[in-house]
C-alpha atoms as a PDB file:
ATOM      1  CA  MET A   1      14.435  -4.001 -39.828  1.00  0.00           C
ATOM      2  CA  THR A   2      14.617  -4.310 -36.059  1.00  0.00           C
ATOM      3  CA  THR A   3      12.820  -7.184 -34.375  1.00  0.00           C
ATOM      4  CA  TYR A   4      10.844  -6.673 -31.211  1.00  0.00           C
ATOM      5  CA  GLU A   5      13.445  -8.611 -29.236  1.00  0.00           C
ATOM      6  CA  GLU A   6      16.250  -6.383 -30.535  1.00  0.00           C
ATOM      7  CA  PHE A   7      14.232  -3.259 -29.741  1.00  0.00           C
ATOM      8  CA  LEU A   8      13.446  -4.503 -26.240  1.00  0.00           C
ATOM      9  CA  GLU A   9      17.070  -5.428 -25.597  1.00  0.00           C
ATOM     10  CA  GLY A  10      18.118  -1.890 -26.525  1.00  0.00           C
ATOM     11  CA  GLN A  11      15.434  -0.305 -24.361  1.00  0.00           C
ATOM     12  CA  LEU A  12      16.349  -2.437 -21.348  1.00  0.00           C
ATOM     13  CA  LYS A  13      19.815  -0.876 -21.287  1.00  0.00           C
ATOM     14  CA  ASP A  14      18.138   2.077 -19.559  1.00  0.00           C
ATOM     15  CA  PRO A  15      18.334   1.207 -15.801  1.00  0.00           C
ATOM     16  CA  GLU A  16      15.047   2.959 -14.940  1.00  0.00           C
ATOM     17  CA  LEU A  17      13.112   1.216 -17.684  1.00  0.00           C
ATOM     18  CA  LYS A  18      14.697  -2.140 -16.789  1.00  0.00           C
ATOM     19  CA  ALA A  19      13.686  -1.736 -13.136  1.00  0.00           C
ATOM     20  CA  GLU A  20      10.063  -1.063 -14.151  1.00  0.00           C
ATOM     21  CA  TYR A  21      10.080  -3.941 -16.633  1.00  0.00           C
ATOM     22  CA  ASP A  22      11.479  -6.334 -14.014  1.00  0.00           C
ATOM     23  CA  ALA A  23       8.891  -5.196 -11.464  1.00  0.00           C
ATOM     24  CA  LEU A  24       6.075  -6.150 -13.872  1.00  0.00           C
ATOM     25  CA  GLU A  25       7.513  -9.578 -14.750  1.00  0.00           C
ATOM     26  CA  PRO A  26       5.543 -11.559 -12.103  1.00  0.00           C
ATOM     27  CA  GLU A  27       2.267 -10.075 -13.349  1.00  0.00           C
ATOM     28  CA  PHE A  28       3.103 -10.889 -16.963  1.00  0.00           C
ATOM     29  CA  ALA A  29       4.145 -14.416 -15.966  1.00  0.00           C
ATOM     30  CA  ILE A  30       0.754 -15.062 -14.332  1.00  0.00           C
ATOM     31  CA  ILE A  31      -1.091 -13.687 -17.343  1.00  0.00           C
ATOM     32  CA  GLN A  32       0.920 -15.841 -19.750  1.00  0.00           C
ATOM     33  CA  ALA A  33       0.456 -18.915 -17.541  1.00  0.00           C
ATOM     34  CA  MET A  34      -3.338 -18.408 -17.569  1.00  0.00           C
ATOM     35  CA  ILE A  35      -3.422 -18.021 -21.345  1.00  0.00           C
ATOM     36  CA  ASP A  36      -1.132 -21.011 -21.929  1.00  0.00           C
ATOM     37  CA  ALA A  37      -3.112 -23.256 -19.567  1.00  0.00           C
ATOM     38  CA  ARG A  38      -6.423 -22.308 -21.198  1.00  0.00           C
ATOM     39  CA  LYS A  39      -5.099 -22.954 -24.692  1.00  0.00           C
ATOM     40  CA  GLU A  40      -3.425 -26.238 -23.680  1.00  0.00           C
ATOM     41  CA  SER A  41      -6.778 -27.274 -22.212  1.00  0.00           C
ATOM     42  CA  GLY A  42      -8.344 -26.619 -25.610  1.00  0.00           C
ATOM     43  CA  LEU A  43     -10.786 -24.074 -24.211  1.00  0.00           C
ATOM     44  CA  THR A  44     -11.992 -20.733 -25.480  1.00  0.00           C
ATOM     45  CA  GLN A  45     -12.638 -17.931 -23.033  1.00  0.00           C
ATOM     46  CA  LYS A  46     -16.366 -18.536 -23.526  1.00  0.00           C
ATOM     47  CA  GLU A  47     -16.026 -22.249 -22.702  1.00  0.00           C
ATOM     48  CA  LEU A  48     -13.927 -21.480 -19.625  1.00  0.00           C
ATOM     49  CA  SER A  49     -16.555 -18.959 -18.570  1.00  0.00           C
ATOM     50  CA  ALA A  50     -19.270 -21.623 -18.787  1.00  0.00           C
ATOM     51  CA  ARG A  51     -17.192 -24.009 -16.676  1.00  0.00           C
ATOM     52  CA  THR A  52     -16.270 -21.492 -13.978  1.00  0.00           C
ATOM     53  CA  GLY A  53     -19.172 -19.078 -13.815  1.00  0.00           C
ATOM     54  CA  ILE A  54     -16.691 -16.235 -14.372  1.00  0.00           C
ATOM     55  CA  ALA A  55     -17.921 -13.858 -17.066  1.00  0.00           C
ATOM     56  CA  GLN A  56     -16.080 -14.168 -20.376  1.00  0.00           C
ATOM     57  CA  ALA A  57     -15.484 -10.403 -20.299  1.00  0.00           C
ATOM     58  CA  ASP A  58     -13.756 -10.787 -16.929  1.00  0.00           C
ATOM     59  CA  ILE A  59     -11.570 -13.612 -18.238  1.00  0.00           C
ATOM     60  CA  SER A  60     -10.641 -11.381 -21.162  1.00  0.00           C
ATOM     61  CA  LYS A  61      -9.704  -8.547 -18.795  1.00  0.00           C
ATOM     62  CA  LEU A  62      -7.508 -10.905 -16.763  1.00  0.00           C
ATOM     63  CA  GLU A  63      -5.751 -12.155 -19.889  1.00  0.00           C
ATOM     64  CA  ARG A  64      -5.180  -8.584 -21.117  1.00  0.00           C
ATOM     65  CA  GLY A  65      -3.797  -7.541 -17.753  1.00  0.00           C
ATOM     66  CA  THR A  66      -6.464  -4.922 -17.112  1.00  0.00           C
ATOM     67  CA  ALA A  67      -7.776  -6.696 -13.995  1.00  0.00           C
ATOM     68  CA  ASN A  68      -6.060  -8.356 -11.048  1.00  0.00           C
ATOM     69  CA  PRO A  69      -7.356 -11.798 -10.081  1.00  0.00           C
ATOM     70  CA  SER A  70      -7.885 -12.865  -6.500  1.00  0.00           C
ATOM     71  CA  LEU A  71      -6.484 -16.160  -5.288  1.00  0.00           C
ATOM     72  CA  ARG A  72     -10.036 -17.551  -5.333  1.00  0.00           C
ATOM     73  CA  THR A  73     -10.488 -16.510  -8.974  1.00  0.00           C
ATOM     74  CA  LEU A  74      -7.212 -18.182  -9.943  1.00  0.00           C
ATOM     75  CA  GLN A  75      -8.359 -21.360  -8.172  1.00  0.00           C
ATOM     76  CA  ARG A  76     -11.690 -21.312 -10.022  1.00  0.00           C
ATOM     77  CA  LEU A  77      -9.920 -20.820 -13.358  1.00  0.00           C
ATOM     78  CA  ALA A  78      -7.501 -23.665 -12.627  1.00  0.00           C
ATOM     79  CA  ALA A  79     -10.358 -25.998 -11.642  1.00  0.00           C
ATOM     80  CA  GLY A  80     -12.268 -25.043 -14.790  1.00  0.00           C
ATOM     81  CA  MET A  81      -9.260 -26.119 -16.841  1.00  0.00           C
ATOM     82  CA  GLY A  82      -8.870 -29.364 -14.919  1.00  0.00           C
ATOM     83  CA  ARG A  83      -5.722 -28.083 -13.274  1.00  0.00           C
ATOM     84  CA  LYS A  84      -4.388 -27.353  -9.827  1.00  0.00           C
ATOM     85  CA  LEU A  85      -3.141 -23.879  -8.896  1.00  0.00           C
ATOM     86  CA  LYS A  86       0.418 -23.851  -7.605  1.00  0.00           C
ATOM     87  CA  ILE A  87       2.039 -20.716  -6.190  1.00  0.00           C
ATOM     88  CA  GLU A  88       5.580 -20.679  -4.889  1.00  0.00           C
ATOM     89  CA  PHE A  89       8.157 -18.313  -3.500  1.00  0.00           C
ATOM     90  CA  ALA A  90      11.359 -18.856  -5.432  1.00  0.00           C
ATOM     91  CA  ALA A  91      14.848 -17.898  -4.356  1.00  0.00           C
ATOM     92  CA  LEU A  92      16.301 -14.839  -6.063  1.00  0.00           C
END
Protein backbone atom coordinates (compact mmCIF):
# COMPACT_ATOMS: atom_id res chain seq x y z
CA MET A 1 0.00 0.00 0.00
CA THR A 2 1.34 3.41 -0.98
CA THR A 3 1.31 6.18 1.60
CA TYR A 4 0.27 9.68 0.69
CA GLU A 5 3.85 10.89 1.06
CA GLU A 6 5.11 8.21 -1.34
CA PHE A 7 2.37 9.06 -3.83
CA LEU A 8 3.13 12.77 -3.60
CA GLU A 9 6.86 12.18 -4.01
CA GLY A 10 6.18 10.23 -7.21
CA GLN A 11 3.82 12.88 -8.57
CA LEU A 12 6.28 15.69 -7.86
CA LYS A 13 8.77 14.14 -10.29
CA ASP A 14 6.65 15.73 -13.03
CA PRO A 15 8.21 19.24 -13.50
CA GLU A 16 4.89 20.89 -14.41
CA LEU A 17 3.07 19.49 -11.41
CA LYS A 18 5.99 20.38 -9.12
CA ALA A 19 5.98 23.98 -10.36
CA GLU A 20 2.24 24.28 -9.61
CA TYR A 21 2.65 22.61 -6.22
CA ASP A 22 5.52 24.94 -5.29
CA ALA A 23 3.53 27.99 -6.40
CA LEU A 24 0.73 27.06 -3.96
CA GLU A 25 3.05 26.41 -0.99
CA PRO A 26 2.81 29.95 0.52
CA GLU A 27 -1.00 29.75 0.51
CA PHE A 28 -0.97 26.33 2.16
CA ALA A 29 1.57 27.55 4.73
CA ILE A 30 -0.72 30.43 5.76
CA ILE A 31 -3.71 28.12 6.01
CA GLN A 32 -1.80 25.62 8.15
CA ALA A 33 -0.42 28.41 10.35
CA MET A 34 -3.97 29.70 10.99
CA ILE A 35 -5.25 26.24 11.87
CA ASP A 36 -2.26 25.46 14.10
CA ALA A 37 -2.49 28.79 15.94
CA ARG A 38 -6.23 28.36 16.56
CA LYS A 39 -5.80 24.83 17.88
CA GLU A 40 -2.79 25.78 20.04
CA SER A 41 -4.95 28.58 21.47
CA GLY A 42 -7.53 25.96 22.41
CA LEU A 43 -10.25 27.62 20.36
CA THR A 44 -12.94 26.25 18.10
CA GLN A 45 -13.88 28.15 14.97
CA LYS A 46 -17.08 29.22 16.74
CA GLU A 47 -15.14 30.59 19.73
CA LEU A 48 -12.72 32.43 17.45
CA SER A 49 -15.69 33.86 15.59
CA ALA A 50 -17.14 35.22 18.85
CA ARG A 51 -13.81 36.83 19.73
CA THR A 52 -13.19 38.42 16.33
CA GLY A 53 -16.62 39.17 14.93
CA ILE A 54 -15.67 37.16 11.83
CA ALA A 55 -18.41 34.71 10.90
CA GLN A 56 -17.60 31.08 11.71
CA ALA A 57 -18.48 30.17 8.11
CA ASP A 58 -15.86 32.65 6.89
CA ILE A 59 -13.23 31.22 9.23
CA SER A 60 -14.08 27.77 7.88
CA LYS A 61 -13.66 28.99 4.30
CA LEU A 62 -10.26 30.49 5.15
CA GLU A 63 -9.11 27.25 6.78
CA ARG A 64 -10.31 25.21 3.78
CA GLY A 65 -8.54 27.52 1.37
CA THR A 66 -11.70 28.57 -0.44
CA ALA A 67 -11.31 32.24 0.54
CA ASN A 68 -8.34 34.60 0.61
CA PRO A 69 -7.91 36.66 3.78
CA SER A 70 -6.97 40.31 3.75
CA LEU A 71 -4.15 41.55 5.94
CA ARG A 72 -6.76 43.12 8.23
CA THR A 73 -8.58 39.78 8.58
CA LEU A 74 -5.33 38.01 9.46
CA GLN A 75 -4.64 40.69 12.09
CA ARG A 76 -8.11 40.25 13.59
CA LEU A 77 -7.68 36.47 13.71
CA ALA A 78 -4.26 36.80 15.35
CA ALA A 79 -5.62 39.23 17.96
CA GLY A 80 -8.55 36.90 18.65
CA MET A 81 -6.06 34.14 19.42
CA GLY A 82 -3.95 36.38 21.63
CA ARG A 83 -1.20 36.43 19.04
CA LYS A 84 0.67 38.91 16.90
CA LEU A 85 0.71 38.58 13.11
CA LYS A 86 4.20 38.41 11.65
CA ILE A 87 4.84 38.45 7.90
CA GLU A 88 8.32 38.30 6.44
CA PHE A 89 10.08 38.11 3.12
CA ALA A 90 12.57 35.27 3.31
CA ALA A 91 15.59 34.75 1.10
CA LEU A 92 15.23 32.04 -1.53
